[in-house]
Protein backbone atom coordinates (compact mmCIF):
# COMPACT_ATOMS: atom_id res chain seq x y z
CA UNK A 1 -67.24 62.46 49.71
CA UNK A 2 -70.70 63.98 49.43
CA UNK A 3 -73.35 62.74 47.02
CA UNK A 4 -76.66 64.06 45.87
CA UNK A 5 -79.57 62.01 44.61
CA UNK A 6 -80.90 62.79 41.18
CA UNK A 7 -82.91 65.98 40.80
CA UNK A 8 -83.86 68.13 37.82
CA UNK A 9 -84.11 71.52 36.16
CA UNK A 10 -86.63 72.65 33.56
CA UNK A 11 -85.30 74.16 30.33
CA UNK A 12 -86.66 77.19 28.55
CA UNK A 13 -88.69 74.96 26.22
CA UNK A 14 -90.26 73.15 29.16
CA UNK A 15 -88.21 69.94 29.21
CA UNK A 16 -87.19 68.40 32.52
CA UNK A 17 -83.48 67.49 32.61
CA UNK A 18 -82.40 65.17 35.44
CA UNK A 19 -78.95 65.52 37.00
CA UNK A 20 -76.90 64.57 40.03
CA UNK A 21 -73.68 65.55 41.74
CA UNK A 22 -71.09 63.23 43.26
CA UNK A 23 -68.01 64.26 45.19
CA UNK A 24 -66.58 66.98 47.35
CA UNK A 25 -67.97 70.46 46.72
CA UNK A 26 -64.48 71.95 47.13
CA UNK A 27 -63.13 70.18 44.03
CA UNK A 28 -63.36 71.41 40.41
CA UNK A 29 -66.53 70.33 38.62
CA UNK A 30 -66.31 67.80 35.78
CA UNK A 31 -69.44 67.54 33.65
CA UNK A 32 -70.02 64.10 32.08
CA UNK A 33 -72.12 63.83 28.92
CA UNK A 34 -73.46 60.49 27.71
CA UNK A 35 -73.90 58.35 24.62
CA UNK A 36 -77.25 57.85 22.89
CA UNK A 37 -79.20 55.05 24.55
CA UNK A 38 -77.62 55.51 27.99
CA UNK A 39 -78.27 57.54 31.10
CA UNK A 40 -75.96 59.04 33.70
CA UNK A 41 -75.25 55.56 35.05
CA UNK A 42 -72.98 54.85 32.08
CA UNK A 43 -70.26 56.45 34.23
CA UNK A 44 -70.98 54.51 37.44
CA UNK A 45 -67.79 52.47 37.21
CA UNK A 46 -65.63 55.57 37.00
CA UNK A 47 -67.27 57.66 39.73
CA UNK A 48 -65.11 56.43 42.59
CA UNK A 49 -61.81 57.14 40.83
CA UNK A 50 -62.89 60.45 39.29
CA UNK A 51 -64.24 61.86 42.56
CA UNK A 52 -60.73 61.63 43.98
CA UNK A 53 -60.04 64.70 41.85
CA UNK A 54 -63.38 66.22 40.79
CA UNK A 55 -66.91 66.96 41.81
CA UNK A 56 -68.89 65.13 39.12
CA UNK A 57 -71.97 66.57 37.48
CA UNK A 58 -73.86 63.90 35.53
CA UNK A 59 -77.12 64.40 33.67
CA UNK A 60 -79.63 62.50 31.55
CA UNK A 61 -79.87 64.05 28.09
CA UNK A 62 -83.37 64.84 26.88
CA UNK A 63 -85.03 61.66 25.70
CA UNK A 64 -83.13 59.49 28.16
CA UNK A 65 -83.21 58.25 31.73
CA UNK A 66 -85.24 60.36 34.14
CA UNK A 67 -85.36 63.35 31.78
CA UNK A 68 -88.39 64.16 29.65
CA UNK A 69 -88.83 62.63 26.20
CA UNK A 70 -90.15 65.31 23.82
CA UNK A 71 -91.47 64.07 20.49
CA UNK A 72 -89.80 64.82 17.16
CA UNK A 73 -86.28 65.57 16.01
CA UNK A 74 -83.77 67.05 18.44
CA UNK A 75 -81.01 69.40 17.31
CA UNK A 76 -77.43 69.63 18.47
CA UNK A 77 -78.06 73.29 19.26
CA UNK A 78 -80.88 72.31 21.63
CA UNK A 79 -78.83 69.54 23.27
CA UNK A 80 -76.01 71.99 23.83
CA UNK A 81 -78.30 74.64 25.24
CA UNK A 82 -79.73 72.08 27.66
CA UNK A 83 -76.24 71.90 29.18
CA UNK A 84 -75.84 75.67 29.28
CA UNK A 85 -79.20 76.03 31.04
CA UNK A 86 -78.18 73.31 33.50
CA UNK A 87 -74.96 75.15 34.31
CA UNK A 88 -76.86 78.44 34.66
CA UNK A 89 -79.43 76.90 37.01
CA UNK A 90 -76.67 75.45 39.19
CA UNK A 91 -74.65 78.66 39.23
CA UNK A 92 -71.63 77.06 37.56
CA UNK A 93 -69.62 79.56 35.56
CA UNK A 94 -66.94 77.23 34.20
CA UNK A 95 -66.44 73.43 34.26
CA UNK A 96 -64.34 70.70 32.71
CA UNK A 97 -66.34 68.68 30.17
CA UNK A 98 -65.95 65.00 29.27
CA UNK A 99 -68.29 63.67 26.59
CA UNK A 100 -68.43 60.27 24.91
CA UNK A 101 -70.07 59.58 21.54
CA UNK A 102 -73.09 61.95 21.29
CA UNK A 103 -71.85 63.42 24.55
CA UNK A 104 -68.59 64.20 22.76
CA UNK A 105 -70.53 65.94 19.99
CA UNK A 106 -72.34 68.05 22.60
CA UNK A 107 -68.98 68.80 24.21
CA UNK A 108 -67.65 70.03 20.85
CA UNK A 109 -70.70 72.32 20.55
CA UNK A 110 -69.93 73.78 23.97
CA UNK A 111 -66.32 74.45 23.00
CA UNK A 112 -67.43 76.15 19.80
CA UNK A 113 -70.35 78.22 21.10
CA UNK A 114 -69.70 78.85 24.82
CA UNK A 115 -65.95 78.30 25.31
CA UNK A 116 -66.02 80.67 28.27
CA UNK A 117 -68.10 78.08 30.17
CA UNK A 118 -65.51 75.34 29.58
CA UNK A 119 -62.12 74.87 31.19
CA UNK A 120 -60.73 71.73 29.50
CA UNK A 121 -62.44 69.37 27.06
CA UNK A 122 -62.18 65.60 26.71
CA UNK A 123 -63.80 64.28 23.52
CA UNK A 124 -64.04 60.50 23.65
CA UNK A 125 -65.11 58.07 20.92
CA UNK A 126 -66.70 60.81 18.90
CA UNK A 127 -66.46 62.65 15.58
CA UNK A 128 -66.96 66.06 14.01
CA UNK A 129 -69.25 64.52 11.37
CA UNK A 130 -71.08 61.22 10.91
CA UNK A 131 -72.63 61.63 7.48
CA UNK A 132 -73.96 61.46 4.90
CA UNK A 133 -77.16 62.68 6.52
CA UNK A 134 -79.53 60.47 4.51
CA UNK A 135 -78.06 57.29 6.02
CA UNK A 136 -79.90 58.09 9.25
CA UNK A 137 -83.42 58.43 7.83
CA UNK A 138 -84.18 54.73 7.47
CA UNK A 139 -82.91 53.73 10.94
CA UNK A 140 -84.98 56.53 12.49
CA UNK A 141 -88.12 55.46 10.60
CA UNK A 142 -87.60 51.78 11.41
CA UNK A 143 -87.06 52.46 15.09
CA UNK A 144 -90.22 54.53 15.39
CA UNK A 145 -92.19 51.73 13.70
CA UNK A 146 -90.67 48.96 15.84
CA UNK A 147 -92.72 47.50 18.71
CA UNK A 148 -89.91 48.05 21.22
CA UNK A 149 -86.17 48.67 21.66
CA UNK A 150 -85.14 45.00 21.50
CA UNK A 151 -83.46 44.94 18.07
CA UNK A 152 -81.89 48.37 18.49
CA UNK A 153 -80.59 47.44 21.93
CA UNK A 154 -78.76 44.37 20.65
CA UNK A 155 -77.30 46.34 17.75
CA UNK A 156 -76.02 49.01 20.12
CA UNK A 157 -74.44 46.45 22.43
CA UNK A 158 -72.61 44.77 19.55
CA UNK A 159 -71.27 48.17 18.49
CA UNK A 160 -70.28 49.19 22.00
CA UNK A 161 -68.50 46.18 23.49
CA UNK A 162 -66.03 43.48 22.42
CA UNK A 163 -67.21 39.90 21.90
CA UNK A 164 -65.62 38.74 25.15
CA UNK A 165 -67.89 41.06 27.13
CA UNK A 166 -70.99 40.06 25.16
CA UNK A 167 -70.49 36.36 25.80
CA UNK A 168 -72.07 35.07 28.99
CA UNK A 169 -73.71 37.24 31.62
CA UNK A 170 -71.40 40.21 32.05
CA UNK A 171 -73.17 42.33 34.66
CA UNK A 172 -71.90 45.60 33.19
CA UNK A 173 -73.28 44.72 29.76
CA UNK A 174 -76.54 43.59 31.34
CA UNK A 175 -76.85 46.98 33.00
CA UNK A 176 -76.47 48.74 29.66
CA UNK A 177 -79.00 46.31 28.13
CA UNK A 178 -81.55 47.11 30.83
CA UNK A 179 -81.07 50.83 30.26
CA UNK A 180 -81.48 50.46 26.50
CA UNK A 181 -84.66 48.41 26.83
CA UNK A 182 -86.11 50.98 29.22
CA UNK A 183 -85.28 53.92 26.93
CA UNK A 184 -88.17 55.30 24.93
CA UNK A 185 -87.74 54.93 21.17
CA UNK A 186 -88.63 58.58 20.62
CA UNK A 187 -85.62 59.65 22.67
CA UNK A 188 -83.19 57.62 20.58
CA UNK A 189 -84.83 58.64 17.30
CA UNK A 190 -84.81 62.31 18.29
CA UNK A 191 -81.12 62.06 19.19
CA UNK A 192 -80.30 60.27 15.94
CA UNK A 193 -81.85 63.23 14.13
CA UNK A 194 -79.39 65.53 15.90
CA UNK A 195 -76.54 63.29 14.70
CA UNK A 196 -78.00 63.25 11.19
CA UNK A 197 -78.14 67.02 10.97
CA UNK A 198 -74.87 68.13 12.56
CA UNK A 199 -71.55 68.88 10.87
CA UNK A 200 -68.70 70.39 12.89
CA UNK A 201 -65.85 69.62 10.49
CA UNK A 202 -65.09 73.31 10.00
CA UNK A 203 -66.34 74.90 13.20
CA UNK A 204 -64.43 72.51 15.49
CA UNK A 205 -61.40 74.59 14.48
CA UNK A 206 -62.88 77.41 16.58
CA UNK A 207 -62.52 75.50 19.87
CA UNK A 208 -59.98 77.45 21.98
CA UNK A 209 -60.04 75.20 25.05
CA UNK A 210 -57.28 72.70 25.87
CA UNK A 211 -58.62 69.47 24.36
CA UNK A 212 -57.90 65.77 24.58
CA UNK A 213 -59.39 63.44 21.95
CA UNK A 214 -59.67 59.75 22.87
CA UNK A 215 -60.41 57.10 20.24
CA UNK A 216 -61.00 53.36 20.36
CA UNK A 217 -58.69 51.25 18.22
CA UNK A 218 -61.53 48.85 17.36
CA UNK A 219 -64.43 51.33 17.41
CA UNK A 220 -66.76 50.88 14.42
CA UNK A 221 -69.17 53.66 15.45
CA UNK A 222 -66.71 56.55 15.65
CA UNK A 223 -63.47 55.18 14.29
CA UNK A 224 -59.93 56.00 15.31
CA UNK A 225 -59.70 57.92 12.02
CA UNK A 226 -62.66 60.05 13.12
CA UNK A 227 -60.80 60.84 16.31
CA UNK A 228 -57.57 61.59 14.50
CA UNK A 229 -59.35 63.97 12.12
CA UNK A 230 -61.06 65.73 15.02
CA UNK A 231 -57.80 66.13 16.92
CA UNK A 232 -56.17 67.57 13.79
CA UNK A 233 -59.00 70.13 13.52
CA UNK A 234 -59.09 71.41 17.10
CA UNK A 235 -56.09 73.71 17.59
CA UNK A 236 -53.47 72.13 19.82
CA UNK A 237 -55.57 69.07 20.65
CA UNK A 238 -53.91 65.95 21.99
CA UNK A 239 -54.83 62.53 20.66
CA UNK A 240 -54.68 59.11 22.24
CA UNK A 241 -55.94 55.70 21.13
CA UNK A 242 -57.06 53.04 23.59
CA UNK A 243 -57.39 49.32 22.69
CA UNK A 244 -61.20 49.39 22.88
CA UNK A 245 -64.43 49.35 20.94
CA UNK A 246 -66.88 52.25 21.57
CA UNK A 247 -67.36 52.38 25.35
CA UNK A 248 -63.74 53.10 26.19
CA UNK A 249 -64.63 54.26 29.70
CA UNK A 250 -66.03 50.80 30.49
CA UNK A 251 -63.78 48.47 28.52
CA UNK A 252 -60.47 50.09 29.52
CA UNK A 253 -61.62 51.78 32.71
CA UNK A 254 -58.25 52.17 34.43
CA UNK A 255 -56.45 53.46 31.32
CA UNK A 256 -59.36 55.75 30.48
CA UNK A 257 -59.54 57.32 33.92
CA UNK A 258 -55.76 57.62 33.95
CA UNK A 259 -55.46 59.59 30.72
CA UNK A 260 -58.49 61.77 31.54
CA UNK A 261 -57.27 62.60 35.04
CA UNK A 262 -53.71 63.28 33.90
CA UNK A 263 -54.94 65.71 31.23
CA UNK A 264 -57.43 67.54 33.42
CA UNK A 265 -55.08 67.94 36.39
CA UNK A 266 -51.91 68.79 34.46
CA UNK A 267 -50.40 72.09 35.55
CA UNK A 268 -49.99 74.74 32.82
């Protein structure tokens, strides 16, 4: 296996987007897109198993990790175009895409707007719509007025993981906590604005790519019903439910990697 340390591209609007590759260059590329409040390390536990089949391309979305943190509201269109510009810069014509939460929303955008750049799509713990829009205004304002990420970090962790993982000193949870506390508030607030303003309930029906939708049975952020509705909208999409909260890739790692790998490697 070959690995590459994190490096970056610069988008057309001047934002530095950090990325890294892991795995054999001869294998098909699988792009991984992250949740709000995380960086590319949210997939660390799955890298070893996934690189048996794929060359992984991970990146930090704008506002997160080693990428730049522009001020103000982000849009889903801009987050999607960040990915397109990354693929262009790396000379990648077509890749598999796996996105979780906001990453799954970005993955939907790619399937709608640039389906020719996507082979197969996996949309995990995500939704076509998380409205009404006005429910996001107060959390955005409160976060930008807060002294730090402490309160938001603990809220995220409670929404992401089951109680058994939150009790004690689970090292995986502690890693996510450290990432959240190090994330700039403007990056989370800008990303929340993208969630506030998007609505793919109709346009998700335009996705032509083979698609797998994964939902968490106990997910309170993007519910199993959200996943079911999304799968019913995307033509021919498959739907599976795992016994998890929001971070299905972490909580049910073996099952998650199994269903993803089986779908992406299945022969036509």
